[in-house]
């Protein structure tokens, strides 16, 4: 927990390849050396603390969003270092990937592939807390589809144009926003997160409005149906990524969850993920982001057991 605070003290926002992210990596490199690991970096700047010829990795990222809390990404890195220190005779690697929040950029450019990659991460949601469970095993990372809808109207004077004579693009866009929400049913989520109105003037009826759409589901076919029902053309899409059983074998009775957020584990082959309960309503990317010391301790115990099993 002290190490998590030490990373946060560098800066709340540690942008991709910034001096703040550099400083976080330097701090983590020192902890890796203290744990008896050999420190190296690859061409993307990903940080590795290795022992022997490791085919099993554990880690996460140290960069952060502008409104970040303490735990997102950082927990996975410091947990990996702690677990590696507890297994001094095992060949393994603790990893801090670069620029997860901006791509990810680092994990997409790894230069070798592990037989297993384990990532401990806060849930960033309220499900485990609602279940009264400290830990959950991630079964898959959800597929995502992103695109826009454009609504065309006519610019008119806001004071002289009768209401029944207007072609107001923003009114049509507002109806669409509600439609997006209504289309998202069990097993899916859909979000309008950005709206651009033109000419964006107080006294002009909006002539053109562009609305973003972000739709997600762990089932690719369900996502396809959601996109069709909403009625937008995706400009970017990712497929669902199933997770391995690296943690499931250690926690057979833990809740199973789908991750709606993307992670480095999407891009590192043979990945498994463990979620740690988020408190404060599951808030994340915010200073109120919180997981308890007790839950973090349990997660590191489980990570150590999983690494012990995979490196035996």
C-alpha atoms as a PDB file:
ATOM      1  CA  UNK A   1       0.000   0.000   0.000  1.00  0.00           C
ATOM      2  CA  UNK A   2       2.955   2.305   0.656  1.00  0.00           C
ATOM      3  CA  UNK A   3       4.226   1.619  -2.848  1.00  0.00           C
ATOM      4  CA  UNK A   4       0.826   2.445  -4.341  1.00  0.00           C
ATOM      5  CA  UNK A   5       0.917   5.766  -2.492  1.00  0.00           C
ATOM      6  CA  UNK A   6       4.484   6.396  -3.649  1.00  0.00           C
ATOM      7  CA  UNK A   7       3.479   6.047  -7.317  1.00  0.00           C
ATOM      8  CA  UNK A   8       0.476   8.334  -6.803  1.00  0.00           C
ATOM      9  CA  UNK A   9       2.716  10.907  -5.125  1.00  0.00           C
ATOM     10  CA  UNK A  10       4.719  11.266  -8.362  1.00  0.00           C
ATOM     11  CA  UNK A  11       1.626  12.665 -10.084  1.00  0.00           C
ATOM     12  CA  UNK A  12      -2.057  11.919 -10.384  1.00  0.00           C
ATOM     13  CA  UNK A  13      -1.736  12.051 -14.179  1.00  0.00           C
ATOM     14  CA  UNK A  14       1.124   9.962 -15.550  1.00  0.00           C
ATOM     15  CA  UNK A  15       0.581  10.280 -19.279  1.00  0.00           C
ATOM     16  CA  UNK A  16       2.014   7.907 -21.867  1.00  0.00           C
ATOM     17  CA  UNK A  17       5.807   8.241 -22.157  1.00  0.00           C
ATOM     18  CA  UNK A  18       5.768  11.368 -20.013  1.00  0.00           C
ATOM     19  CA  UNK A  19       8.401  12.272 -17.395  1.00  0.00           C
ATOM     20  CA  UNK A  20       5.842  11.246 -14.759  1.00  0.00           C
ATOM     21  CA  UNK A  21       5.416   7.777 -16.258  1.00  0.00           C
ATOM     22  CA  UNK A  22       9.215   7.561 -16.583  1.00  0.00           C
ATOM     23  CA  UNK A  23       9.564   8.346 -12.863  1.00  0.00           C
ATOM     24  CA  UNK A  24       7.001   5.673 -11.955  1.00  0.00           C
ATOM     25  CA  UNK A  25       8.935   3.101 -13.997  1.00  0.00           C
ATOM     26  CA  UNK A  26      12.209   4.086 -12.316  1.00  0.00           C
ATOM     27  CA  UNK A  27      10.619   3.659  -8.892  1.00  0.00           C
ATOM     28  CA  UNK A  28       9.233   0.253  -9.838  1.00  0.00           C
ATOM     29  CA  UNK A  29      12.618  -0.769 -11.260  1.00  0.00           C
ATOM     30  CA  UNK A  30      14.166  -0.128  -7.855  1.00  0.00           C
ATOM     31  CA  UNK A  31      11.564  -2.330  -6.178  1.00  0.00           C
ATOM     32  CA  UNK A  32      12.237  -5.061  -8.728  1.00  0.00           C
ATOM     33  CA  UNK A  33      15.934  -5.004  -7.874  1.00  0.00           C
ATOM     34  CA  UNK A  34      15.088  -5.183  -4.155  1.00  0.00           C
ATOM     35  CA  UNK A  35      13.024  -8.305  -4.935  1.00  0.00           C
ATOM     36  CA  UNK A  36      16.067  -9.948  -6.525  1.00  0.00           C
ATOM     37  CA  UNK A  37      14.939  -9.421 -10.123  1.00  0.00           C
ATOM     38  CA  UNK A  38      17.088  -8.395 -13.083  1.00  0.00           C
ATOM     39  CA  UNK A  39      15.765  -5.204 -14.663  1.00  0.00           C
ATOM     40  CA  UNK A  40      15.477  -4.702 -18.415  1.00  0.00           C
ATOM     41  CA  UNK A  41      13.355  -2.824 -20.952  1.00  0.00           C
ATOM     42  CA  UNK A  42      12.224  -3.712 -24.449  1.00  0.00           C
ATOM     43  CA  UNK A  43      11.924  -1.510 -27.522  1.00  0.00           C
ATOM     44  CA  UNK A  44       8.539  -0.143 -26.448  1.00  0.00           C
ATOM     45  CA  UNK A  45       9.907   0.827 -23.017  1.00  0.00           C
ATOM     46  CA  UNK A  46       8.054  -1.944 -21.188  1.00  0.00           C
ATOM     47  CA  UNK A  47       9.777  -2.667 -17.871  1.00  0.00           C
ATOM     48  CA  UNK A  48      10.671  -6.259 -16.940  1.00  0.00           C
ATOM     49  CA  UNK A  49      11.967  -7.600 -13.661  1.00  0.00           C
ATOM     50  CA  UNK A  50      13.076 -11.133 -14.441  1.00  0.00           C
ATOM     51  CA  UNK A  51      14.584 -14.134 -12.748  1.00  0.00           C
ATOM     52  CA  UNK A  52      16.016 -16.951 -14.838  1.00  0.00           C
ATOM     53  CA  UNK A  53      14.432 -17.528 -18.265  1.00  0.00           C
ATOM     54  CA  UNK A  54      10.824 -16.735 -17.439  1.00  0.00           C
ATOM     55  CA  UNK A  55       7.887 -18.077 -19.415  1.00  0.00           C
ATOM     56  CA  UNK A  56       5.389 -16.801 -16.838  1.00  0.00           C
ATOM     57  CA  UNK A  57       4.726 -13.073 -16.414  1.00  0.00           C
ATOM     58  CA  UNK A  58       2.641 -10.994 -14.023  1.00  0.00           C
ATOM     59  CA  UNK A  59       2.023  -7.273 -14.088  1.00  0.00           C
ATOM     60  CA  UNK A  60      -0.008  -4.336 -15.402  1.00  0.00           C
ATOM     61  CA  UNK A  61       0.683  -0.639 -16.143  1.00  0.00           C
ATOM     62  CA  UNK A  62       1.798   2.534 -14.326  1.00  0.00           C
ATOM     63  CA  UNK A  63       0.413   5.283 -16.577  1.00  0.00           C
ATOM     64  CA  UNK A  64      -2.870   6.946 -15.626  1.00  0.00           C
ATOM     65  CA  UNK A  65      -5.726   9.131 -16.843  1.00  0.00           C
ATOM     66  CA  UNK A  66      -5.913  12.828 -15.838  1.00  0.00           C
ATOM     67  CA  UNK A  67      -8.519  12.184 -13.101  1.00  0.00           C
ATOM     68  CA  UNK A  68      -6.905   8.972 -11.849  1.00  0.00           C
ATOM     69  CA  UNK A  69      -7.159   7.257  -8.523  1.00  0.00           C
ATOM     70  CA  UNK A  70      -4.390   5.240  -6.906  1.00  0.00           C
ATOM     71  CA  UNK A  71      -5.098   1.634  -7.850  1.00  0.00           C
ATOM     72  CA  UNK A  72      -5.831   1.300 -11.579  1.00  0.00           C
ATOM     73  CA  UNK A  73      -2.853  -0.497 -13.124  1.00  0.00           C
ATOM     74  CA  UNK A  74      -0.501   0.234 -10.247  1.00  0.00           C
ATOM     75  CA  UNK A  75      -1.963  -2.518  -8.066  1.00  0.00           C
ATOM     76  CA  UNK A  76      -1.102  -5.148 -10.673  1.00  0.00           C
ATOM     77  CA  UNK A  77       2.520  -4.040 -10.910  1.00  0.00           C
ATOM     78  CA  UNK A  78       3.266  -3.841  -7.188  1.00  0.00           C
ATOM     79  CA  UNK A  79       1.381  -7.106  -6.577  1.00  0.00           C
ATOM     80  CA  UNK A  80       3.539  -8.826  -9.190  1.00  0.00           C
ATOM     81  CA  UNK A  81       6.739  -7.539  -7.569  1.00  0.00           C
ATOM     82  CA  UNK A  82       5.560  -8.652  -4.126  1.00  0.00           C
ATOM     83  CA  UNK A  83       4.606 -12.119  -5.386  1.00  0.00           C
ATOM     84  CA  UNK A  84       7.948 -12.486  -7.188  1.00  0.00           C
ATOM     85  CA  UNK A  85       9.779 -11.648  -3.966  1.00  0.00           C
ATOM     86  CA  UNK A  86       7.838 -14.392  -2.164  1.00  0.00           C
ATOM     87  CA  UNK A  87       9.000 -16.973  -4.751  1.00  0.00           C
ATOM     88  CA  UNK A  88      12.777 -16.440  -4.777  1.00  0.00           C
ATOM     89  CA  UNK A  89      13.620 -19.720  -6.513  1.00  0.00           C
ATOM     90  CA  UNK A  90      11.196 -19.421  -9.428  1.00  0.00           C
ATOM     91  CA  UNK A  91      11.840 -18.224 -12.980  1.00  0.00           C
ATOM     92  CA  UNK A  92       9.261 -15.494 -13.630  1.00  0.00           C
ATOM     93  CA  UNK A  93       8.857 -11.878 -14.673  1.00  0.00           C
ATOM     94  CA  UNK A  94       7.138  -8.867 -13.114  1.00  0.00           C
ATOM     95  CA  UNK A  95       6.111  -6.457 -15.884  1.00  0.00           C
ATOM     96  CA  UNK A  96       5.103  -2.795 -16.070  1.00  0.00           C
ATOM     97  CA  UNK A  97       3.712  -2.080 -19.525  1.00  0.00           C
ATOM     98  CA  UNK A  98       3.870   1.358 -21.063  1.00  0.00           C
ATOM     99  CA  UNK A  99       0.931   3.547 -22.003  1.00  0.00           C
ATOM    100  CA  UNK A 100      -2.040   1.254 -21.343  1.00  0.00           C
ATOM    101  CA  UNK A 101      -4.427   4.190 -21.091  1.00  0.00           C
ATOM    102  CA  UNK A 102      -3.385   5.464 -24.531  1.00  0.00           C
ATOM    103  CA  UNK A 103      -3.801   2.393 -26.662  1.00  0.00           C
ATOM    104  CA  UNK A 104      -2.558   0.208 -25.079  1.00  0.00           C
ATOM    105  CA  UNK A 105       0.783   1.026 -26.685  1.00  0.00           C
ATOM    106  CA  UNK A 106       3.256  -1.091 -24.716  1.00  0.00           C
ATOM    107  CA  UNK A 107       1.526  -4.469 -24.479  1.00  0.00           C
ATOM    108  CA  UNK A 108       0.716  -4.368 -28.208  1.00  0.00           C
ATOM    109  CA  UNK A 109       4.458  -4.253 -28.952  1.00  0.00           C
ATOM    110  CA  UNK A 110       5.891  -7.006 -26.759  1.00  0.00           C
ATOM    111  CA  UNK A 111       8.897  -8.729 -28.312  1.00  0.00           C
ATOM    112  CA  UNK A 112       8.312 -12.190 -26.827  1.00  0.00           C
ATOM    113  CA  UNK A 113       5.262 -14.188 -25.760  1.00  0.00           C
ATOM    114  CA  UNK A 114       4.840 -15.810 -22.327  1.00  0.00           C
ATOM    115  CA  UNK A 115       3.297 -19.210 -21.707  1.00  0.00           C
ATOM    116  CA  UNK A 116       1.134 -17.486 -19.093  1.00  0.00           C
ATOM    117  CA  UNK A 117       0.436 -13.882 -18.117  1.00  0.00           C
ATOM    118  CA  UNK A 118      -1.371 -13.007 -14.866  1.00  0.00           C
ATOM    119  CA  UNK A 119      -2.869  -9.585 -14.184  1.00  0.00           C
ATOM    120  CA  UNK A 120      -4.365  -8.439 -10.889  1.00  0.00           C
ATOM    121  CA  UNK A 121      -6.617  -5.410 -11.336  1.00  0.00           C
ATOM    122  CA  UNK A 122      -9.281  -3.543  -9.431  1.00  0.00           C
ATOM    123  CA  UNK A 123     -12.774  -4.316 -10.688  1.00  0.00           C
ATOM    124  CA  UNK A 124     -13.652  -0.695 -11.528  1.00  0.00           C
ATOM    125  CA  UNK A 125     -17.280  -1.532 -10.839  1.00  0.00           C
ATOM    126  CA  UNK A 126     -19.702  -2.488  -8.041  1.00  0.00           C
ATOM    127  CA  UNK A 127     -20.423  -6.187  -8.753  1.00  0.00           C
ATOM    128  CA  UNK A 128     -18.039  -7.828  -6.271  1.00  0.00           C
ATOM    129  CA  UNK A 129     -19.064  -5.410  -3.532  1.00  0.00           C
ATOM    130  CA  UNK A 130     -22.737  -6.182  -4.179  1.00  0.00           C
ATOM    131  CA  UNK A 131     -21.948  -9.901  -3.893  1.00  0.00           C
ATOM    132  CA  UNK A 132     -19.924  -9.434  -0.708  1.00  0.00           C
ATOM    133  CA  UNK A 133     -16.908 -11.039  -2.402  1.00  0.00           C
ATOM    134  CA  UNK A 134     -13.321  -9.796  -2.222  1.00  0.00           C
ATOM    135  CA  UNK A 135     -12.055 -11.380  -5.446  1.00  0.00           C
ATOM    136  CA  UNK A 136     -13.463 -12.417  -8.810  1.00  0.00           C
ATOM    137  CA  UNK A 137     -12.043 -14.387 -11.727  1.00  0.00           C
ATOM    138  CA  UNK A 138     -12.344 -12.715 -15.131  1.00  0.00           C
ATOM    139  CA  UNK A 139     -13.674 -15.029 -17.831  1.00  0.00           C
ATOM    140  CA  UNK A 140     -13.420 -12.628 -20.789  1.00  0.00           C
ATOM    141  CA  UNK A 141     -12.824  -9.036 -21.816  1.00  0.00           C
ATOM    142  CA  UNK A 142     -15.857  -7.705 -23.653  1.00  0.00           C
ATOM    143  CA  UNK A 143     -15.987  -6.881 -27.341  1.00  0.00           C
ATOM    144  CA  UNK A 144     -16.395  -3.201 -28.179  1.00  0.00           C
ATOM    145  CA  UNK A 145     -17.833  -1.290 -31.130  1.00  0.00           C
ATOM    146  CA  UNK A 146     -17.426   2.467 -31.518  1.00  0.00           C
ATOM    147  CA  UNK A 147     -18.769   4.856 -34.095  1.00  0.00           C
ATOM    148  CA  UNK A 148     -20.858   7.977 -34.648  1.00  0.00           C
ATOM    149  CA  UNK A 149     -24.275   9.015 -35.928  1.00  0.00           C
ATOM    150  CA  UNK A 150     -24.662  12.358 -37.691  1.00  0.00           C
ATOM    151  CA  UNK A 151     -27.955  14.281 -37.669  1.00  0.00           C
ATOM    152  CA  UNK A 152     -28.573  16.967 -40.282  1.00  0.00           C
ATOM    153  CA  UNK A 153     -30.963  19.862 -39.735  1.00  0.00           C
ATOM    154  CA  UNK A 154     -31.061  23.507 -40.742  1.00  0.00           C
ATOM    155  CA  UNK A 155     -29.524  26.527 -39.070  1.00  0.00           C
ATOM    156  CA  UNK A 156     -32.207  29.093 -38.240  1.00  0.00           C
ATOM    157  CA  UNK A 157     -32.580  32.116 -36.015  1.00  0.00           C
ATOM    158  CA  UNK A 158     -33.483  31.000 -32.478  1.00  0.00           C
ATOM    159  CA  UNK A 159     -35.780  33.985 -31.945  1.00  0.00           C
ATOM    160  CA  UNK A 160     -37.657  34.296 -35.211  1.00  0.00           C
ATOM    161  CA  UNK A 161     -38.148  30.698 -36.378  1.00  0.00           C
ATOM    162  CA  UNK A 162     -41.450  29.138 -35.176  1.00  0.00           C
ATOM    163  CA  UNK A 163     -41.070  25.848 -33.330  1.00  0.00           C
ATOM    164  CA  UNK A 164     -43.111  23.939 -35.900  1.00  0.00           C
ATOM    165  CA  UNK A 165     -40.956  25.264 -38.742  1.00  0.00           C
ATOM    166  CA  UNK A 166     -37.607  24.106 -37.368  1.00  0.00           C
ATOM    167  CA  UNK A 167     -35.330  21.279 -38.478  1.00  0.00           C
ATOM    168  CA  UNK A 168     -33.424  20.976 -35.200  1.00  0.00           C
ATOM    169  CA  UNK A 169     -30.635  18.426 -35.461  1.00  0.00           C
ATOM    170  CA  UNK A 170     -30.012  18.424 -31.717  1.00  0.00           C
ATOM    171  CA  UNK A 171     -33.599  17.473 -30.917  1.00  0.00           C
ATOM    172  CA  UNK A 172     -33.258  14.451 -33.211  1.00  0.00           C
ATOM    173  CA  UNK A 173     -29.925  13.599 -31.627  1.00  0.00           C
ATOM    174  CA  UNK A 174     -31.476  13.792 -28.158  1.00  0.00           C
ATOM    175  CA  UNK A 175     -34.093  11.223 -29.167  1.00  0.00           C
ATOM    176  CA  UNK A 176     -31.278   9.002 -30.416  1.00  0.00           C
ATOM    177  CA  UNK A 177     -29.398   9.247 -27.098  1.00  0.00           C
ATOM    178  CA  UNK A 178     -32.456   7.858 -25.291  1.00  0.00           C
ATOM    179  CA  UNK A 179     -32.793   5.178 -27.972  1.00  0.00           C
ATOM    180  CA  UNK A 180     -29.180   4.062 -27.347  1.00  0.00           C
ATOM    181  CA  UNK A 181     -29.901   3.664 -23.651  1.00  0.00           C
ATOM    182  CA  UNK A 182     -33.088   1.691 -24.284  1.00  0.00           C
ATOM    183  CA  UNK A 183     -31.314  -0.722 -26.634  1.00  0.00           C
ATOM    184  CA  UNK A 184     -28.799  -1.853 -23.999  1.00  0.00           C
ATOM    185  CA  UNK A 185     -30.261  -4.872 -22.228  1.00  0.00           C
ATOM    186  CA  UNK A 186     -28.831  -7.612 -20.016  1.00  0.00           C
ATOM    187  CA  UNK A 187     -25.334  -8.575 -21.065  1.00  0.00           C
ATOM    188  CA  UNK A 188     -24.709  -5.324 -22.942  1.00  0.00           C
ATOM    189  CA  UNK A 189     -23.902  -1.691 -22.281  1.00  0.00           C
ATOM    190  CA  UNK A 190     -24.176   1.278 -24.644  1.00  0.00           C
ATOM    191  CA  UNK A 191     -23.031   4.841 -24.092  1.00  0.00           C
ATOM    192  CA  UNK A 192     -23.180   8.224 -25.775  1.00  0.00           C
ATOM    193  CA  UNK A 193     -20.140  10.007 -24.384  1.00  0.00           C
ATOM    194  CA  UNK A 194     -19.566  12.873 -26.809  1.00  0.00           C
ATOM    195  CA  UNK A 195     -21.830  15.271 -28.716  1.00  0.00           C
ATOM    196  CA  UNK A 196     -20.704  17.951 -31.174  1.00  0.00           C
ATOM    197  CA  UNK A 197     -23.311  20.518 -32.209  1.00  0.00           C
ATOM    198  CA  UNK A 198     -22.832  22.925 -35.122  1.00  0.00           C
ATOM    199  CA  UNK A 199     -22.690  25.854 -35.303  1.00  0.00           C
ATOM    200  CA  UNK A 200     -22.725  25.592 -31.495  1.00  0.00           C
ATOM    201  CA  UNK A 201     -24.128  29.074 -30.977  1.00  0.00           C
ATOM    202  CA  UNK A 202     -26.646  30.052 -28.316  1.00  0.00           C
ATOM    203  CA  UNK A 203     -28.985  31.875 -30.688  1.00  0.00           C
ATOM    204  CA  UNK A 204     -28.861  29.454 -33.656  1.00  0.00           C
ATOM    205  CA  UNK A 205     -30.952  26.313 -34.168  1.00  0.00           C
ATOM    206  CA  UNK A 206     -28.435  23.441 -34.451  1.00  0.00           C
ATOM    207  CA  UNK A 207     -27.814  22.472 -38.067  1.00  0.00           C
ATOM    208  CA  UNK A 208     -25.616  19.414 -37.590  1.00  0.00           C
ATOM    209  CA  UNK A 209     -24.954  17.151 -34.622  1.00  0.00           C
ATOM    210  CA  UNK A 210     -22.442  14.305 -34.349  1.00  0.00           C
ATOM    211  CA  UNK A 211     -23.077  11.749 -31.601  1.00  0.00           C
ATOM    212  CA  UNK A 212     -20.564   9.110 -30.452  1.00  0.00           C
ATOM    213  CA  UNK A 213     -21.656   5.573 -29.599  1.00  0.00           C
ATOM    214  CA  UNK A 214     -19.754   3.001 -27.531  1.00  0.00           C
ATOM    215  CA  UNK A 215     -21.387  -0.467 -27.362  1.00  0.00           C
ATOM    216  CA  UNK A 216     -20.008  -3.522 -25.550  1.00  0.00           C
ATOM    217  CA  UNK A 217     -20.812  -7.176 -24.892  1.00  0.00           C
ATOM    218  CA  UNK A 218     -18.850 -10.308 -24.059  1.00  0.00           C
ATOM    219  CA  UNK A 219     -20.713 -12.094 -26.892  1.00  0.00           C
ATOM    220  CA  UNK A 220     -19.761 -11.008 -30.420  1.00  0.00           C
ATOM    221  CA  UNK A 221     -23.136 -12.025 -31.888  1.00  0.00           C
ATOM    222  CA  UNK A 222     -25.008 -10.121 -29.192  1.00  0.00           C
ATOM    223  CA  UNK A 223     -22.861  -7.070 -29.909  1.00  0.00           C
ATOM    224  CA  UNK A 224     -23.694  -7.346 -33.614  1.00  0.00           C
ATOM    225  CA  UNK A 225     -27.411  -7.332 -32.792  1.00  0.00           C
ATOM    226  CA  UNK A 226     -26.982  -4.371 -30.449  1.00  0.00           C
ATOM    227  CA  UNK A 227     -25.166  -2.357 -33.123  1.00  0.00           C
ATOM    228  CA  UNK A 228     -27.932  -3.140 -35.641  1.00  0.00           C
ATOM    229  CA  UNK A 229     -30.666  -2.191 -33.186  1.00  0.00           C
ATOM    230  CA  UNK A 230     -29.007   1.080 -32.215  1.00  0.00           C
ATOM    231  CA  UNK A 231     -28.382   1.864 -35.871  1.00  0.00           C
ATOM    232  CA  UNK A 232     -24.798   3.057 -36.281  1.00  0.00           C
ATOM    233  CA  UNK A 233     -21.802   2.037 -38.379  1.00  0.00           C
ATOM    234  CA  UNK A 234     -18.785   1.092 -36.227  1.00  0.00           C
ATOM    235  CA  UNK A 235     -15.564   2.784 -37.204  1.00  0.00           C
ATOM    236  CA  UNK A 236     -13.608   0.631 -34.713  1.00  0.00           C
ATOM    237  CA  UNK A 237     -14.281  -2.756 -33.204  1.00  0.00           C
ATOM    238  CA  UNK A 238     -12.569  -5.282 -30.962  1.00  0.00           C
ATOM    239  CA  UNK A 239     -13.574  -8.894 -30.527  1.00  0.00           C
ATOM    240  CA  UNK A 240     -14.145 -10.530 -27.124  1.00  0.00           C
ATOM    241  CA  UNK A 241     -10.959 -11.913 -25.565  1.00  0.00           C
ATOM    242  CA  UNK A 242     -11.384 -15.060 -23.441  1.00  0.00           C
ATOM    243  CA  UNK A 243      -9.211 -15.297 -20.353  1.00  0.00           C
ATOM    244  CA  UNK A 244      -7.289 -18.366 -19.237  1.00  0.00           C
ATOM    245  CA  UNK A 245      -7.605 -20.412 -16.045  1.00  0.00           C
ATOM    246  CA  UNK A 246      -4.484 -19.172 -14.271  1.00  0.00           C
ATOM    247  CA  UNK A 247      -6.586 -17.835 -11.408  1.00  0.00           C
ATOM    248  CA  UNK A 248      -9.616 -20.107 -11.827  1.00  0.00           C
ATOM    249  CA  UNK A 249      -7.516 -23.128 -10.883  1.00  0.00           C
ATOM    250  CA  UNK A 250      -6.621 -21.440  -7.574  1.00  0.00           C
ATOM    251  CA  UNK A 251     -10.066 -19.946  -6.876  1.00  0.00           C
ATOM    252  CA  UNK A 252     -12.588 -22.502  -8.195  1.00  0.00           C
ATOM    253  CA  UNK A 253     -15.487 -21.060  -6.193  1.00  0.00           C
ATOM    254  CA  UNK A 254     -14.875 -17.331  -6.760  1.00  0.00           C
ATOM    255  CA  UNK A 255     -17.419 -15.299  -8.760  1.00  0.00           C
ATOM    256  CA  UNK A 256     -16.864 -15.164 -12.511  1.00  0.00           C
ATOM    257  CA  UNK A 257     -16.999 -11.734 -14.153  1.00  0.00           C
ATOM    258  CA  UNK A 258     -16.687 -10.256 -17.618  1.00  0.00           C
ATOM    259  CA  UNK A 259     -14.492  -7.164 -17.894  1.00  0.00           C
ATOM    260  CA  UNK A 260     -16.266  -4.349 -19.678  1.00  0.00           C
ATOM    261  CA  UNK A 261     -13.039  -2.339 -19.718  1.00  0.00           C
ATOM    262  CA  UNK A 262     -10.008  -3.048 -21.859  1.00  0.00           C
ATOM    263  CA  UNK A 263      -6.708  -4.139 -20.292  1.00  0.00           C
ATOM    264  CA  UNK A 264      -3.175  -5.124 -21.267  1.00  0.00           C
ATOM    265  CA  UNK A 265      -4.393  -8.728 -20.897  1.00  0.00           C
ATOM    266  CA  UNK A 266      -6.249  -8.268 -24.212  1.00  0.00           C
ATOM    267  CA  UNK A 267      -2.940  -8.108 -26.058  1.00  0.00           C
ATOM    268  CA  UNK A 268      -0.665 -10.453 -24.115  1.00  0.00           C
ATOM    269  CA  UNK A 269      -1.313 -14.063 -25.178  1.00  0.00           C
ATOM    270  CA  UNK A 270      -2.227 -16.710 -22.603  1.00  0.00           C
ATOM    271  CA  UNK A 271      -3.558 -14.129 -20.154  1.00  0.00           C
ATOM    272  CA  UNK A 272      -5.622 -14.599 -16.998  1.00  0.00           C
ATOM    273  CA  UNK A 273      -7.104 -11.814 -14.844  1.00  0.00           C
ATOM    274  CA  UNK A 274      -8.144 -11.463 -11.224  1.00  0.00           C
ATOM    275  CA  UNK A 275     -10.424  -8.629 -10.094  1.00  0.00           C
ATOM    276  CA  UNK A 276     -10.152  -7.102  -6.623  1.00  0.00           C
ATOM    277  CA  UNK A 277     -13.271  -5.623  -5.073  1.00  0.00           C
ATOM    278  CA  UNK A 278     -13.693  -1.879  -5.645  1.00  0.00           C
ATOM    279  CA  UNK A 279     -15.246   0.117  -2.823  1.00  0.00           C
ATOM    280  CA  UNK A 280     -16.990   3.520  -2.877  1.00  0.00           C
ATOM    281  CA  UNK A 281     -19.595   2.227  -5.301  1.00  0.00           C
ATOM    282  CA  UNK A 282     -16.992   0.884  -7.701  1.00  0.00           C
ATOM    283  CA  UNK A 283     -15.807   4.342  -8.752  1.00  0.00           C
ATOM    284  CA  UNK A 284     -12.632   4.386 -10.848  1.00  0.00           C
ATOM    285  CA  UNK A 285     -10.577   6.917 -12.826  1.00  0.00           C
ATOM    286  CA  UNK A 286     -11.288   9.171  -9.853  1.00  0.00           C
ATOM    287  CA  UNK A 287      -9.448   9.994  -6.604  1.00  0.00           C
ATOM    288  CA  UNK A 288     -12.129   8.143  -4.602  1.00  0.00           C
ATOM    289  CA  UNK A 289     -11.092   4.851  -6.261  1.00  0.00           C
ATOM    290  CA  UNK A 290     -10.498   2.408  -3.399  1.00  0.00           C
ATOM    291  CA  UNK A 291      -9.750  -1.214  -2.573  1.00  0.00           C
ATOM    292  CA  UNK A 292      -9.089  -2.304   0.987  1.00  0.00           C
ATOM    293  CA  UNK A 293      -5.759  -3.443   2.381  1.00  0.00           C
ATOM    294  CA  UNK A 294      -7.394  -6.736   3.352  1.00  0.00           C
ATOM    295  CA  UNK A 295      -8.643  -7.415  -0.184  1.00  0.00           C
ATOM    296  CA  UNK A 296      -5.301  -6.431  -1.699  1.00  0.00           C
ATOM    297  CA  UNK A 297      -3.553  -8.832   0.694  1.00  0.00           C
ATOM    298  CA  UNK A 298      -5.853 -11.657  -0.383  1.00  0.00           C
ATOM    299  CA  UNK A 299      -5.200 -10.876  -4.040  1.00  0.00           C
ATOM    300  CA  UNK A 300      -1.424 -11.026  -3.595  1.00  0.00           C
ATOM    301  CA  UNK A 301      -1.774 -14.356  -1.773  1.00  0.00           C
ATOM    302  CA  UNK A 302      -3.797 -15.731  -4.707  1.00  0.00           C
ATOM    303  CA  UNK A 303      -1.368 -14.312  -7.275  1.00  0.00           C
ATOM    304  CA  UNK A 304       1.528 -15.938  -5.420  1.00  0.00           C
ATOM    305  CA  UNK A 305      -0.274 -19.283  -5.367  1.00  0.00           C
ATOM    306  CA  UNK A 306      -1.060 -19.032  -9.078  1.00  0.00           C
ATOM    307  CA  UNK A 307       2.536 -18.177  -9.943  1.00  0.00           C
ATOM    308  CA  UNK A 308       3.764 -20.970  -7.697  1.00  0.00           C
ATOM    309  CA  UNK A 309       1.530 -23.423  -9.572  1.00  0.00           C
ATOM    310  CA  UNK A 310       2.492 -22.216 -13.038  1.00  0.00           C
ATOM    311  CA  UNK A 311       6.248 -22.089 -12.380  1.00  0.00           C
ATOM    312  CA  UNK A 312       6.522 -25.346 -10.414  1.00  0.00           C
END
